Amino acid sequence: QIVNNEKDFEDIKHLSEEMQESIKILAAKGIIEGTSAKEFSPEDSISRAEVAALLLRVLSQVDPNADGGFTDVKKSDWFYGTAGSAKAYGMILGFEDNTFRGNVTIAKDQILAVASRVLQREMKYITPDKPEEWLTFTDASSIADWAEKDIALTTMANIVTRTADNT
């Protein structure tokens, strides 16, 4: 039986047609959810666990029982399997203190690192040998050493777009 699972959110009408369509398709497929039946809240921040859940759902890589061994993730957390699956996949490895920090808003460099890891694993992308050739932003000196190659790759893949002031 085919079921029409069309989703329409009232608060996305100001977004580009492409963005609206993407949100509607991902919501209809159960990849993303709104903050209510009629609202998506596109300007809200997104947590580390939410990013991991979204990408793992797209990749069909969620194991609800996966244990990542993170000290701050309990079996009762909604993202328990997400955290473990993200670690097993190599998407989000956690912090030096063995924490996942699932409820923390994900930083821009972290989300780009996650995107880079997915591109490398799924699409066989390779980080550039000379990341500085891609990191020509006026604020490039503020990019952490650990994130340079990932941000260079996501820039090369047109995931990062330059702002008017080239930051």
C-alpha atoms as a PDB file:
ATOM      1  CA  GLN A   1       0.000   0.000   0.000  1.00  0.00           C
ATOM      2  CA  ILE A   2       1.309   3.421  -0.935  1.00  0.00           C
ATOM      3  CA  VAL A   3       0.825   6.105   1.673  1.00  0.00           C
ATOM      4  CA  ASN A   4       1.121   9.802   0.945  1.00  0.00           C
ATOM      5  CA  ASN A   5       3.280  11.237   3.734  1.00  0.00           C
ATOM      6  CA  GLU A   6       3.477  14.795   2.447  1.00  0.00           C
ATOM      7  CA  LYS A   7       4.724  17.358   4.971  1.00  0.00           C
ATOM      8  CA  ASP A   8       4.222  21.084   4.801  1.00  0.00           C
ATOM      9  CA  PHE A   9       5.567  23.496   7.379  1.00  0.00           C
ATOM     10  CA  GLU A  10       4.223  27.035   7.731  1.00  0.00           C
ATOM     11  CA  ASP A  11       7.534  28.575   8.765  1.00  0.00           C
ATOM     12  CA  ILE A  12       9.608  27.597   5.702  1.00  0.00           C
ATOM     13  CA  LYS A  13       7.748  29.706   3.135  1.00  0.00           C
ATOM     14  CA  HIS A  14      10.431  32.440   3.239  1.00  0.00           C
ATOM     15  CA  LEU A  15      13.153  29.964   2.236  1.00  0.00           C
ATOM     16  CA  SER A  16      14.204  29.348  -1.339  1.00  0.00           C
ATOM     17  CA  GLU A  17      12.083  26.937  -3.342  1.00  0.00           C
ATOM     18  CA  GLU A  18      14.984  24.464  -3.391  1.00  0.00           C
ATOM     19  CA  MET A  19      15.323  24.555   0.404  1.00  0.00           C
ATOM     20  CA  GLN A  20      11.568  24.154   0.906  1.00  0.00           C
ATOM     21  CA  GLU A  21      11.467  21.168  -1.418  1.00  0.00           C
ATOM     22  CA  SER A  22      14.458  19.529   0.289  1.00  0.00           C
ATOM     23  CA  ILE A  23      12.883  19.932   3.732  1.00  0.00           C
ATOM     24  CA  LYS A  24       9.543  18.546   2.524  1.00  0.00           C
ATOM     25  CA  ILE A  25      11.137  15.505   0.861  1.00  0.00           C
ATOM     26  CA  LEU A  26      13.364  14.672   3.847  1.00  0.00           C
ATOM     27  CA  ALA A  27      10.417  15.095   6.244  1.00  0.00           C
ATOM     28  CA  ALA A  28       8.153  12.908   4.090  1.00  0.00           C
ATOM     29  CA  LYS A  29      10.807  10.173   4.118  1.00  0.00           C
ATOM     30  CA  GLY A  30      11.169  10.353   7.905  1.00  0.00           C
ATOM     31  CA  ILE A  31      14.775  11.570   7.723  1.00  0.00           C
ATOM     32  CA  ILE A  32      14.024  14.851   9.525  1.00  0.00           C
ATOM     33  CA  GLU A  33      11.178  16.047  11.684  1.00  0.00           C
ATOM     34  CA  GLY A  34       9.698  19.409  12.422  1.00  0.00           C
ATOM     35  CA  THR A  35       9.523  20.959  15.854  1.00  0.00           C
ATOM     36  CA  SER A  36       5.733  20.491  15.613  1.00  0.00           C
ATOM     37  CA  ALA A  37       3.221  19.294  13.027  1.00  0.00           C
ATOM     38  CA  LYS A  38       3.197  22.704  11.319  1.00  0.00           C
ATOM     39  CA  GLU A  39       6.613  24.149  12.189  1.00  0.00           C
ATOM     40  CA  PHE A  40      10.095  23.162  11.143  1.00  0.00           C
ATOM     41  CA  SER A  41      12.074  25.988  12.829  1.00  0.00           C
ATOM     42  CA  PRO A  42      14.718  26.308  10.093  1.00  0.00           C
ATOM     43  CA  GLU A  43      16.694  28.993  11.939  1.00  0.00           C
ATOM     44  CA  ASP A  44      17.107  26.940  15.125  1.00  0.00           C
ATOM     45  CA  SER A  45      20.498  25.539  16.021  1.00  0.00           C
ATOM     46  CA  ILE A  46      21.171  21.810  15.673  1.00  0.00           C
ATOM     47  CA  SER A  47      22.869  19.541  18.180  1.00  0.00           C
ATOM     48  CA  ARG A  48      25.651  17.037  17.627  1.00  0.00           C
ATOM     49  CA  ALA A  49      23.199  14.170  18.192  1.00  0.00           C
ATOM     50  CA  GLU A  50      20.650  15.615  15.757  1.00  0.00           C
ATOM     51  CA  VAL A  51      23.262  15.955  12.998  1.00  0.00           C
ATOM     52  CA  ALA A  52      24.442  12.412  13.591  1.00  0.00           C
ATOM     53  CA  ALA A  53      20.871  11.069  13.583  1.00  0.00           C
ATOM     54  CA  LEU A  54      20.003  12.902  10.382  1.00  0.00           C
ATOM     55  CA  LEU A  55      23.043  11.657   8.466  1.00  0.00           C
ATOM     56  CA  LEU A  56      22.866   8.114   9.823  1.00  0.00           C
ATOM     57  CA  ARG A  57      19.194   7.890   8.785  1.00  0.00           C
ATOM     58  CA  VAL A  58      20.067   9.055   5.271  1.00  0.00           C
ATOM     59  CA  LEU A  59      22.807   6.409   5.128  1.00  0.00           C
ATOM     60  CA  SER A  60      20.660   3.690   6.778  1.00  0.00           C
ATOM     61  CA  GLN A  61      23.401   3.188   9.339  1.00  0.00           C
ATOM     62  CA  VAL A  62      21.507   3.525  12.636  1.00  0.00           C
ATOM     63  CA  ASP A  63      21.844   0.640  15.073  1.00  0.00           C
ATOM     64  CA  PRO A  64      19.614   1.515  18.051  1.00  0.00           C
ATOM     65  CA  ASN A  65      21.688  -0.767  20.276  1.00  0.00           C
ATOM     66  CA  ALA A  66      25.132   0.516  19.285  1.00  0.00           C
ATOM     67  CA  ASP A  67      27.206   1.434  22.310  1.00  0.00           C
ATOM     68  CA  GLY A  68      29.884   4.011  21.602  1.00  0.00           C
ATOM     69  CA  GLY A  69      31.314   3.704  25.099  1.00  0.00           C
ATOM     70  CA  PHE A  70      30.923   7.448  25.699  1.00  0.00           C
ATOM     71  CA  THR A  71      30.979   8.405  29.375  1.00  0.00           C
ATOM     72  CA  ASP A  72      28.144  10.926  28.977  1.00  0.00           C
ATOM     73  CA  VAL A  73      25.687   8.757  27.006  1.00  0.00           C
ATOM     74  CA  LYS A  74      23.186   6.578  28.860  1.00  0.00           C
ATOM     75  CA  LYS A  75      20.979   3.841  27.392  1.00  0.00           C
ATOM     76  CA  SER A  76      17.986   6.026  28.265  1.00  0.00           C
ATOM     77  CA  ASP A  77      19.208   8.909  26.035  1.00  0.00           C
ATOM     78  CA  TRP A  78      17.233   9.183  22.789  1.00  0.00           C
ATOM     79  CA  PHE A  79      20.549   9.322  20.926  1.00  0.00           C
ATOM     80  CA  TYR A  80      22.174   6.273  22.573  1.00  0.00           C
ATOM     81  CA  GLY A  81      22.218   4.184  19.367  1.00  0.00           C
ATOM     82  CA  THR A  82      22.954   7.255  17.283  1.00  0.00           C
ATOM     83  CA  ALA A  83      26.092   8.039  19.295  1.00  0.00           C
ATOM     84  CA  GLY A  84      27.313   4.457  19.056  1.00  0.00           C
ATOM     85  CA  SER A  85      26.493   4.227  15.357  1.00  0.00           C
ATOM     86  CA  ALA A  86      28.218   7.553  14.639  1.00  0.00           C
ATOM     87  CA  LYS A  87      31.381   6.304  16.340  1.00  0.00           C
ATOM     88  CA  ALA A  88      31.287   2.911  14.602  1.00  0.00           C
ATOM     89  CA  TYR A  89      30.795   4.626  11.244  1.00  0.00           C
ATOM     90  CA  GLY A  90      33.674   7.030  11.917  1.00  0.00           C
ATOM     91  CA  MET A  91      31.408  10.073  11.619  1.00  0.00           C
ATOM     92  CA  ILE A  92      31.660  11.506  15.144  1.00  0.00           C
ATOM     93  CA  LEU A  93      34.415  10.104  17.309  1.00  0.00           C
ATOM     94  CA  GLY A  94      33.838  12.201  20.404  1.00  0.00           C
ATOM     95  CA  PHE A  95      36.169  14.323  22.483  1.00  0.00           C
ATOM     96  CA  GLU A  96      39.471  13.528  24.172  1.00  0.00           C
ATOM     97  CA  ASP A  97      37.658  12.944  27.467  1.00  0.00           C
ATOM     98  CA  ASN A  98      35.535  10.199  25.816  1.00  0.00           C
ATOM     99  CA  THR A  99      32.360  12.292  25.756  1.00  0.00           C
ATOM    100  CA  PHE A 100      29.877  12.626  22.913  1.00  0.00           C
ATOM    101  CA  ARG A 101      28.150  15.843  24.080  1.00  0.00           C
ATOM    102  CA  GLY A 102      25.009  15.021  22.131  1.00  0.00           C
ATOM    103  CA  ASN A 103      22.889  17.915  23.370  1.00  0.00           C
ATOM    104  CA  VAL A 104      25.528  20.540  22.585  1.00  0.00           C
ATOM    105  CA  THR A 105      24.961  22.729  19.519  1.00  0.00           C
ATOM    106  CA  ILE A 106      27.362  21.518  16.857  1.00  0.00           C
ATOM    107  CA  ALA A 107      30.027  24.010  15.838  1.00  0.00           C
ATOM    108  CA  LYS A 108      30.546  24.907  12.195  1.00  0.00           C
ATOM    109  CA  ASP A 109      33.992  23.266  12.005  1.00  0.00           C
ATOM    110  CA  GLN A 110      32.596  20.084  13.564  1.00  0.00           C
ATOM    111  CA  ILE A 111      29.680  19.793  11.142  1.00  0.00           C
ATOM    112  CA  LEU A 112      32.065  20.323   8.227  1.00  0.00           C
ATOM    113  CA  ALA A 113      34.354  17.611   9.607  1.00  0.00           C
ATOM    114  CA  VAL A 114      31.376  15.243   9.805  1.00  0.00           C
ATOM    115  CA  ALA A 115      30.385  16.104   6.220  1.00  0.00           C
ATOM    116  CA  SER A 116      33.963  15.551   5.085  1.00  0.00           C
ATOM    117  CA  ARG A 117      34.108  12.108   6.739  1.00  0.00           C
ATOM    118  CA  VAL A 118      30.852  11.087   5.066  1.00  0.00           C
ATOM    119  CA  LEU A 119      32.118  12.289   1.659  1.00  0.00           C
ATOM    120  CA  GLN A 120      35.363  10.375   2.136  1.00  0.00           C
ATOM    121  CA  ARG A 121      33.638   7.166   3.181  1.00  0.00           C
ATOM    122  CA  GLU A 122      30.624   7.212   0.856  1.00  0.00           C
ATOM    123  CA  MET A 123      31.916   9.070  -2.189  1.00  0.00           C
ATOM    124  CA  LYS A 124      35.652   8.256  -1.902  1.00  0.00           C
ATOM    125  CA  TYR A 125      36.606  11.933  -1.747  1.00  0.00           C
ATOM    126  CA  ILE A 126      40.189  12.633  -0.737  1.00  0.00           C
ATOM    127  CA  THR A 127      41.277  15.583   1.356  1.00  0.00           C
ATOM    128  CA  PRO A 128      43.501  17.991  -0.590  1.00  0.00           C
ATOM    129  CA  ASP A 129      47.272  17.670  -0.100  1.00  0.00           C
ATOM    130  CA  LYS A 130      47.527  21.444   0.150  1.00  0.00           C
ATOM    131  CA  PRO A 131      44.521  22.619   2.163  1.00  0.00           C
ATOM    132  CA  GLU A 132      45.818  26.188   2.169  1.00  0.00           C
ATOM    133  CA  GLU A 133      44.949  26.419  -1.542  1.00  0.00           C
ATOM    134  CA  TRP A 134      41.265  26.048  -0.562  1.00  0.00           C
ATOM    135  CA  LEU A 135      41.391  27.985   2.693  1.00  0.00           C
ATOM    136  CA  THR A 136      41.633  31.470   1.262  1.00  0.00           C
ATOM    137  CA  PHE A 137      39.009  32.943   3.574  1.00  0.00           C
ATOM    138  CA  THR A 138      39.915  36.168   5.346  1.00  0.00           C
ATOM    139  CA  ASP A 139      39.443  34.366   8.668  1.00  0.00           C
ATOM    140  CA  ALA A 140      41.266  31.168   7.661  1.00  0.00           C
ATOM    141  CA  SER A 141      43.835  31.661  10.431  1.00  0.00           C
ATOM    142  CA  SER A 142      41.060  30.969  12.969  1.00  0.00           C
ATOM    143  CA  ILE A 143      40.470  27.449  11.614  1.00  0.00           C
ATOM    144  CA  ALA A 144      41.737  24.819  14.069  1.00  0.00           C
ATOM    145  CA  ASP A 145      44.585  22.647  12.795  1.00  0.00           C
ATOM    146  CA  TRP A 146      42.528  19.468  13.223  1.00  0.00           C
ATOM    147  CA  ALA A 147      39.784  20.866  10.935  1.00  0.00           C
ATOM    148  CA  GLU A 148      41.864  22.339   8.088  1.00  0.00           C
ATOM    149  CA  LYS A 149      41.823  19.340   5.734  1.00  0.00           C
ATOM    150  CA  ASP A 150      38.127  18.668   6.335  1.00  0.00           C
ATOM    151  CA  ILE A 151      37.164  22.299   5.732  1.00  0.00           C
ATOM    152  CA  ALA A 152      39.351  22.372   2.622  1.00  0.00           C
ATOM    153  CA  LEU A 153      37.571  19.252   1.325  1.00  0.00           C
ATOM    154  CA  THR A 154      34.105  20.644   2.023  1.00  0.00           C
ATOM    155  CA  THR A 155      35.101  23.914   0.365  1.00  0.00           C
ATOM    156  CA  MET A 156      36.361  21.988  -2.659  1.00  0.00           C
ATOM    157  CA  ALA A 157      33.049  20.052  -2.737  1.00  0.00           C
ATOM    158  CA  ASN A 158      31.053  23.339  -2.654  1.00  0.00           C
ATOM    159  CA  ILE A 159      29.492  22.588   0.719  1.00  0.00           C
ATOM    160  CA  VAL A 160      31.097  25.726   2.130  1.00  0.00           C
ATOM    161  CA  THR A 161      30.029  28.916   0.462  1.00  0.00           C
ATOM    162  CA  ARG A 162      31.876  32.161   0.804  1.00  0.00           C
ATOM    163  CA  THR A 163      30.160  35.131   2.363  1.00  0.00           C
ATOM    164  CA  ALA A 164      30.267  38.590   0.835  1.00  0.00           C
ATOM    165  CA  ASP A 165      33.208  39.479   3.101  1.00  0.00           C
ATOM    166  CA  ASN A 166      35.004  36.187   2.256  1.00  0.00           C
ATOM    167  CA  THR A 167      34.752  34.672   5.717  1.00  0.00           C
END
